[in-house]
Protein backbone atom coordinates (compact mmCIF):
# COMPACT_ATOMS: atom_id res chain seq x y z
CA MET A 1 62.91 21.45 28.47
CA ARG A 2 64.72 19.98 31.47
CA VAL A 3 68.34 19.29 30.51
CA ALA A 4 70.65 17.33 32.77
CA LEU A 5 74.31 18.30 32.68
CA PHE A 6 76.78 15.40 32.66
CA SER A 7 79.99 17.01 33.81
CA THR A 8 82.24 13.95 33.19
CA CYS A 9 85.02 13.08 35.61
CA ILE A 10 87.70 15.05 33.78
CA GLY A 11 85.41 18.06 33.52
CA ASP A 12 84.54 17.91 37.20
CA ALA A 13 88.12 17.44 38.37
CA MET A 14 90.15 19.51 35.91
CA PHE A 15 87.98 21.68 33.65
CA PRO A 16 85.03 23.03 35.68
CA ASP A 17 84.87 26.20 33.56
CA VAL A 18 83.93 24.03 30.56
CA VAL A 19 81.06 22.52 32.53
CA LYS A 20 79.91 25.97 33.67
CA ALA A 21 80.10 27.29 30.11
CA THR A 22 77.93 24.40 28.90
CA ALA A 23 75.31 25.21 31.54
CA VAL A 24 75.41 28.89 30.57
CA ILE A 25 74.75 28.15 26.89
CA ILE A 26 71.82 25.85 27.61
CA SER A 27 70.22 28.16 30.16
CA ARG A 28 70.54 31.16 27.81
CA LEU A 29 68.41 29.25 25.33
CA GLY A 30 65.64 29.07 27.90
CA HIS A 31 66.05 25.50 29.10
CA GLU A 32 66.18 24.37 32.71
CA VAL A 33 69.57 22.95 33.63
CA VAL A 34 69.70 20.31 36.36
CA PHE A 35 72.74 18.60 37.82
CA PRO A 36 72.17 15.13 39.32
CA PRO A 37 74.69 15.10 42.19
CA GLU A 38 75.07 11.31 42.22
CA GLN A 39 76.74 11.24 38.79
CA THR A 40 80.28 9.87 38.47
CA CYS A 41 82.57 8.53 35.73
CA CYS A 42 80.88 6.89 32.73
CA GLY A 43 83.29 3.93 32.96
CA GLN A 44 84.92 4.50 29.59
CA MET A 45 88.45 4.06 30.91
CA HIS A 46 87.56 0.68 32.39
CA VAL A 47 85.94 -0.55 29.19
CA ASN A 48 88.72 0.70 26.93
CA THR A 49 91.37 -1.11 28.96
CA GLY A 50 89.50 -4.41 29.13
CA TYR A 51 87.86 -4.13 32.55
CA GLN A 52 84.30 -4.38 31.30
CA ARG A 53 82.84 -6.21 34.27
CA GLN A 54 84.39 -3.65 36.61
CA ALA A 55 82.64 -0.86 34.68
CA ILE A 56 79.17 -2.13 35.61
CA PRO A 57 78.90 0.01 38.79
CA GLN A 58 79.68 3.18 36.79
CA ILE A 59 77.19 2.22 34.09
CA ARG A 60 74.51 1.47 36.67
CA ASN A 61 75.22 4.80 38.35
CA TYR A 62 74.81 6.63 35.03
CA VAL A 63 71.45 4.95 34.46
CA ASP A 64 70.30 5.78 37.99
CA ALA A 65 71.34 9.42 37.57
CA PHE A 66 70.03 10.14 34.08
CA ALA A 67 67.44 7.60 32.88
CA ASP A 68 64.51 9.08 34.85
CA ASP A 69 61.59 10.40 32.84
CA TYR A 70 61.80 13.83 34.48
CA ILE A 71 64.99 14.47 32.47
CA ASP A 72 64.35 15.29 28.82
CA CYS A 73 67.96 15.35 27.62
CA VAL A 74 71.45 14.77 28.95
CA VAL A 75 74.23 16.97 27.59
CA ALA A 76 77.94 16.30 27.99
CA PRO A 77 80.71 18.70 26.89
CA SER A 78 82.59 15.59 25.76
CA GLY A 79 82.17 13.62 22.57
CA SER A 80 84.26 10.90 24.15
CA CYS A 81 81.99 10.37 27.15
CA ALA A 82 78.78 10.79 25.18
CA GLY A 83 80.15 8.24 22.73
CA ALA A 84 80.89 5.81 25.55
CA VAL A 85 77.34 6.10 26.85
CA ARG A 86 75.84 5.50 23.43
CA GLU A 87 78.29 2.93 22.07
CA GLN A 88 79.53 0.96 25.10
CA HIS A 89 76.99 0.94 27.93
CA GLU A 90 74.37 -1.33 26.38
CA HIS A 91 76.97 -3.81 25.11
CA VAL A 92 78.66 -4.11 28.49
CA ALA A 93 75.34 -4.30 30.35
CA THR A 94 74.18 -7.07 27.99
CA ARG A 95 77.32 -9.05 28.70
CA TYR A 96 77.71 -8.54 32.45
CA GLY A 97 74.51 -6.91 33.73
CA ASN A 98 70.85 -7.86 33.67
CA LYS A 99 67.75 -7.06 31.64
CA ALA A 100 66.80 -4.09 33.81
CA LEU A 101 70.23 -2.53 33.38
CA VAL A 102 70.17 -3.12 29.62
CA ASN A 103 66.82 -1.36 29.36
CA GLY A 104 68.14 1.47 31.50
CA THR A 105 71.19 1.96 29.32
CA ARG A 106 68.96 2.18 26.26
CA ARG A 107 66.77 4.85 27.85
CA ALA A 108 69.73 6.89 29.05
CA ALA A 109 71.70 6.57 25.81
CA ALA A 110 68.73 7.64 23.68
CA LYS A 111 68.70 11.07 25.29
CA THR A 112 72.43 11.63 25.78
CA TYR A 113 74.01 14.19 23.47
CA ASP A 114 77.29 15.91 22.82
CA LEU A 115 76.90 19.67 23.19
CA SER A 116 77.01 20.37 19.44
CA GLU A 117 74.41 17.65 18.77
CA PHE A 118 72.08 19.06 21.38
CA LEU A 119 72.33 22.60 20.05
CA ILE A 120 71.83 21.71 16.39
CA ASP A 121 69.50 18.69 16.56
CA VAL A 122 67.47 19.24 19.73
CA ALA A 123 67.49 22.98 20.46
CA GLY A 124 67.41 23.71 16.73
CA VAL A 125 69.95 26.56 16.76
CA ASP A 126 73.28 27.10 15.06
CA ASP A 127 73.76 30.65 16.34
CA VAL A 128 73.90 31.02 20.14
CA GLY A 129 74.85 34.69 20.10
CA ALA A 130 78.51 34.13 20.87
CA PHE A 131 81.29 36.69 20.39
CA PHE A 132 84.93 35.62 20.13
CA PRO A 133 87.13 38.01 18.10
CA HIS A 134 90.09 35.69 17.59
CA ARG A 135 91.71 33.47 14.97
CA VAL A 136 90.60 29.90 15.75
CA THR A 137 91.11 26.45 14.27
CA TYR A 138 89.06 23.35 15.03
CA HIS A 139 90.28 19.81 15.82
CA SER A 140 87.85 16.95 15.16
CA THR A 141 88.21 14.54 18.08
CA CYS A 142 88.10 10.83 17.31
CA HIS A 143 85.06 9.83 19.36
CA SER A 144 82.92 12.76 18.25
CA LEU A 145 83.89 12.19 14.63
CA ARG A 146 83.73 8.39 14.48
CA PHE A 147 81.40 7.28 17.30
CA LEU A 148 78.91 10.13 17.40
CA LYS A 149 79.38 11.25 13.80
CA VAL A 150 78.83 14.91 14.69
CA GLY A 151 79.94 15.89 11.21
CA ASP A 152 80.06 19.64 10.66
CA ARG A 153 77.85 20.57 13.63
CA PRO A 154 80.69 22.16 15.65
CA LEU A 155 81.85 24.07 12.58
CA ARG A 156 78.33 25.34 11.90
CA LEU A 157 78.22 26.71 15.43
CA LEU A 158 81.67 28.27 15.15
CA ARG A 159 80.92 29.92 11.80
CA ASN A 160 78.10 31.84 13.46
CA VAL A 161 80.28 33.23 16.25
CA GLU A 162 80.57 37.00 15.83
CA GLY A 163 84.10 38.27 15.26
CA ILE A 164 85.73 34.87 14.84
CA ASP A 165 88.34 34.18 12.17
CA LEU A 166 87.86 30.44 11.67
CA VAL A 167 90.65 28.74 9.74
CA GLU A 168 90.77 25.15 8.53
CA LEU A 169 93.14 22.79 10.34
CA PRO A 170 95.13 20.53 7.99
CA HIS A 171 94.42 16.85 8.73
CA ALA A 172 91.85 17.88 11.32
CA ASP A 173 90.45 14.34 11.44
CA GLU A 174 93.74 12.77 12.55
CA CYS A 175 94.02 11.63 16.18
CA CYS A 176 95.93 13.84 18.59
CA GLY A 177 97.43 10.79 20.28
CA PHE A 178 95.66 11.04 23.63
CA GLY A 179 93.28 8.08 23.61
CA GLY A 180 93.03 7.96 27.40
CA THR A 181 95.36 5.24 28.67
CA PHE A 182 96.85 4.91 25.17
CA SER A 183 98.96 8.00 25.86
CA VAL A 184 100.29 6.33 29.01
CA LYS A 185 100.88 2.84 27.66
CA ASN A 186 102.24 4.04 24.31
CA ALA A 187 103.85 7.30 25.33
CA GLU A 188 106.36 7.56 22.48
CA THR A 189 103.75 6.92 19.79
CA SER A 190 101.36 9.35 21.46
CA ALA A 191 104.05 12.03 21.65
CA ALA A 192 104.78 11.66 17.93
CA MET A 193 101.09 11.95 17.09
CA VAL A 194 100.51 15.09 19.14
CA HIS A 195 103.70 16.59 17.70
CA ASP A 196 102.20 16.22 14.20
CA LYS A 197 98.92 17.71 15.40
CA VAL A 198 100.63 20.71 16.96
CA ARG A 199 102.71 21.33 13.84
CA ASN A 200 99.51 21.52 11.80
CA ILE A 201 97.92 23.86 14.35
CA ARG A 202 100.91 26.18 14.30
CA ASP A 203 100.80 26.27 10.50
CA THR A 204 97.36 27.92 10.67
CA ASP A 205 98.69 30.91 12.67
CA ALA A 206 95.67 30.48 14.94
CA GLU A 207 95.54 32.07 18.37
CA TYR A 208 93.33 29.28 19.69
CA VAL A 209 92.61 25.65 18.89
CA THR A 210 89.22 24.31 19.93
CA ALA A 211 87.50 20.94 20.13
CA GLY A 212 84.60 19.25 21.88
CA ASP A 213 86.72 17.13 24.23
CA ALA A 214 88.68 18.55 27.15
CA SER A 215 90.86 15.43 27.29
CA CYS A 216 92.16 15.94 23.76
CA LEU A 217 92.61 19.66 24.38
CA MET A 218 94.59 18.83 27.52
CA ASN A 219 96.95 16.71 25.44
CA ILE A 220 97.23 19.26 22.64
CA GLY A 221 97.47 22.20 25.01
CA GLY A 222 100.25 20.51 26.97
CA SER A 223 102.29 20.03 23.82
CA LEU A 224 101.65 23.61 22.69
CA SER A 225 102.78 24.87 26.09
CA ARG A 226 105.97 22.81 26.10
CA GLN A 227 106.81 24.19 22.66
CA HIS A 228 106.03 27.77 23.75
CA ALA A 229 103.84 27.98 20.66
CA GLY A 230 101.76 30.91 21.83
CA VAL A 231 98.55 29.06 20.92
CA ARG A 232 95.96 28.35 23.60
CA ALA A 233 93.60 25.35 23.70
CA VAL A 234 90.00 26.29 24.53
CA HIS A 235 86.89 24.12 24.62
CA LEU A 236 84.09 24.71 22.11
CA ALA A 237 81.71 25.42 25.00
CA GLU A 238 83.88 28.27 26.26
CA ILE A 239 83.85 29.94 22.85
CA LEU A 240 80.09 29.54 22.49
CA ALA A 241 79.48 30.90 25.99
CA SER A 242 81.58 33.99 25.35
CA THR A 243 79.63 37.18 24.59
CA LYS A 244 80.37 40.89 24.47
CA SER A 245 78.88 41.22 27.95
CA TYR A 246 80.66 38.15 29.34
CA PRO A 247 83.84 37.65 27.28
CA TRP A 248 85.82 34.48 27.82
CA SER A 249 88.96 34.98 29.85
CA PRO A 250 91.74 32.43 30.46
CA GLU A 251 92.51 34.08 33.79
CA SER A 252 89.14 33.85 35.55
CA ALA A 253 86.06 31.69 35.91
CA ILE A 254 83.62 34.33 34.70
CA TYR A 255 80.68 32.01 34.01
CA SER A 256 79.83 31.63 37.69
CA LYS A 257 78.24 35.10 37.38
CA GLU A 258 75.47 33.67 35.26
CA VAL A 259 74.77 30.15 36.49
CA MET A 260 74.24 28.52 39.84
CA LEU A 261 73.82 24.75 39.84
């Protein structure tokens, strides 16, 4: 299967190790990973802040990069961005685009998956041979939970990680307060929300908190750091890519040893 990797703008700019880890997991399962170099932002920020017409170039770019028949699936290590592709692109294209763009958004959206969806529903695996001997708790991000409805897929994958001590996060389904520009425009409310989230994380005595969205982990991890909580935020892909031979390390980008895009 030829799988296109959608790095997302935040992954490309700030969390490249998450993107590399995603590629490692997919390639280990025997699939060909391709990386369309023309990809850019999915336009979610524009749409969420009311600039729908201005998001058309990003949506058209996504269609041009990923709708081709030579790509079987598109995988994003971001429930937020995958949700935007599947829930926003067609609506915005219908309103401000043309028939060709609408058809393109449908084709691209139909094969775009969050990492956990791809592994469980397409690749048909819930055990990727990962090893992560740490106490971990899982945060359900809003878009993956409510837009994509990933359900327990991430937890199924985590439960099969060798050595992991997976503990339930109280109120795991509550928003962390990031919400993209929400955290900028409503900073005080956002800060209160992430404070509640971090308190619940600390109550688990976990060493790590994980999720399927780097943006939410950035918000949570920042709050944990400011509180000197001693808990590290790590993306689901990084845990699943970690093995006894190639253990995850917060100090180095070890996945480049296995994948060249």
